[in-house]
Protein backbone atom coordinates (compact mmCIF):
# COMPACT_ATOMS: atom_id res chain seq x y z
CA MET A 1 105.17 42.57 132.99
CA ASN A 2 106.00 39.59 135.13
CA VAL A 3 103.00 37.44 136.22
CA PRO A 4 103.56 34.95 139.06
CA ASP A 5 102.83 31.29 138.33
CA GLN A 6 99.42 30.23 139.55
CA GLN A 7 98.85 26.77 140.86
CA VAL A 8 95.80 24.83 139.73
CA PRO A 9 93.97 23.28 142.67
CA PRO A 10 93.59 19.46 142.61
CA GLY A 11 90.33 18.37 140.97
CA ALA A 12 89.90 21.63 139.05
CA PHE A 13 89.33 19.77 135.77
CA THR A 14 86.92 17.03 136.90
CA ALA A 15 83.91 18.34 134.99
CA SER A 16 83.67 19.26 131.35
CA VAL A 17 82.41 22.57 130.09
CA ALA A 18 79.40 20.73 128.63
CA GLY A 19 78.54 19.33 132.07
CA GLU A 20 79.14 15.61 131.62
CA GLU A 21 80.30 13.71 134.70
CA ASP A 22 82.95 11.83 132.74
CA PRO A 23 83.79 13.66 129.50
CA GLY A 24 85.68 10.65 128.12
CA ALA A 25 82.77 8.26 128.67
CA ALA A 26 80.99 9.45 125.54
CA VAL A 27 83.88 8.37 123.31
CA ASP A 28 83.53 4.82 122.09
CA ALA A 29 86.66 3.06 120.92
CA VAL A 30 85.21 1.32 117.90
CA SER A 31 87.34 -0.74 115.63
CA PRO A 32 86.71 -0.42 111.91
CA ALA A 33 83.70 -2.41 110.78
CA ALA A 34 84.44 -5.78 109.26
CA PRO A 35 83.33 -5.99 105.64
CA MET A 36 80.03 -7.69 104.91
CA HIS A 37 79.89 -10.57 102.47
CA PRO A 38 76.96 -11.03 100.06
CA GLY A 39 75.58 -13.93 102.15
CA ASP A 40 75.68 -12.02 105.46
CA GLU A 41 72.33 -11.26 107.03
CA ALA A 42 73.83 -8.54 109.27
CA PRO A 43 77.15 -6.78 109.85
CA PRO A 44 79.57 -8.74 112.06
CA GLY A 45 79.10 -7.92 115.74
CA THR A 46 75.41 -7.06 115.43
CA PRO A 47 73.49 -8.09 118.57
CA GLY A 48 71.36 -11.16 117.86
CA SER A 49 73.70 -12.42 115.14
CA GLY A 50 76.58 -14.84 115.00
CA GLU A 51 78.94 -16.63 112.70
CA ALA A 52 77.52 -19.59 110.78
CA LEU A 53 78.63 -21.87 107.97
CA CYS A 54 77.86 -20.52 104.53
CA HIS A 55 74.74 -22.22 103.16
CA ALA A 56 75.94 -21.98 99.56
CA CYS A 57 79.29 -23.79 99.97
CA GLY A 58 78.73 -25.67 103.22
CA GLY A 59 81.71 -23.95 104.82
CA THR A 60 84.32 -24.92 102.23
CA GLY A 61 84.65 -21.45 100.71
CA ARG A 62 84.45 -23.01 97.23
CA SER A 63 81.60 -23.38 94.75
CA GLU A 64 80.86 -26.74 93.11
CA ASP A 65 83.01 -25.75 90.13
CA GLY A 66 86.00 -25.04 92.42
CA THR A 67 85.88 -21.27 92.23
CA THR A 68 85.64 -18.96 95.24
CA CYS A 69 82.16 -18.98 96.75
CA LEU A 70 80.39 -15.72 95.93
CA GLU A 71 78.19 -15.80 99.04
CA CYS A 72 80.98 -15.83 101.65
CA ASP A 73 83.84 -14.54 99.49
CA GLY A 74 85.75 -17.75 100.15
CA THR A 75 85.69 -17.61 103.96
CA GLY A 76 83.16 -20.44 104.37
CA ARG A 77 81.34 -18.40 107.00
CA ILE A 78 78.59 -15.79 107.07
CA THR A 79 77.00 -13.64 109.76
CA ALA A 80 73.46 -14.85 110.39
CA GLY A 81 70.64 -14.04 112.77
CA ILE A 82 70.61 -16.38 115.76
CA GLY A 83 67.73 -15.00 117.79
CA GLY A 84 64.02 -15.43 117.42
CA GLY A 85 61.74 -12.52 117.11
C-alpha cells in the first residue's frame, strides 16, 4: 500500500508531551565537579565560596619539610566560605 507523504505544519513540535514550554530548558549543561581537597570548606563553584590561599602552606603548595601540602594537595589554594551568615 502506498501512503502519500504528509507534511508537518510549522511549529508542530513547539511543546513537549510533558507540557513544558521549553523542553530543553530543564537540561543543565554541568561540567564534571572539580575534586575537593582536604582543606576545602566547600566544593568549587559553591555559592558563597571562593578560592583562597591554603592556610597550612601559605599558598606555596609545600609543607615545612618540603613535601606536598596535604591540605591543598600541592595547589596552594583551597575553596573557602567568603560570605557571612
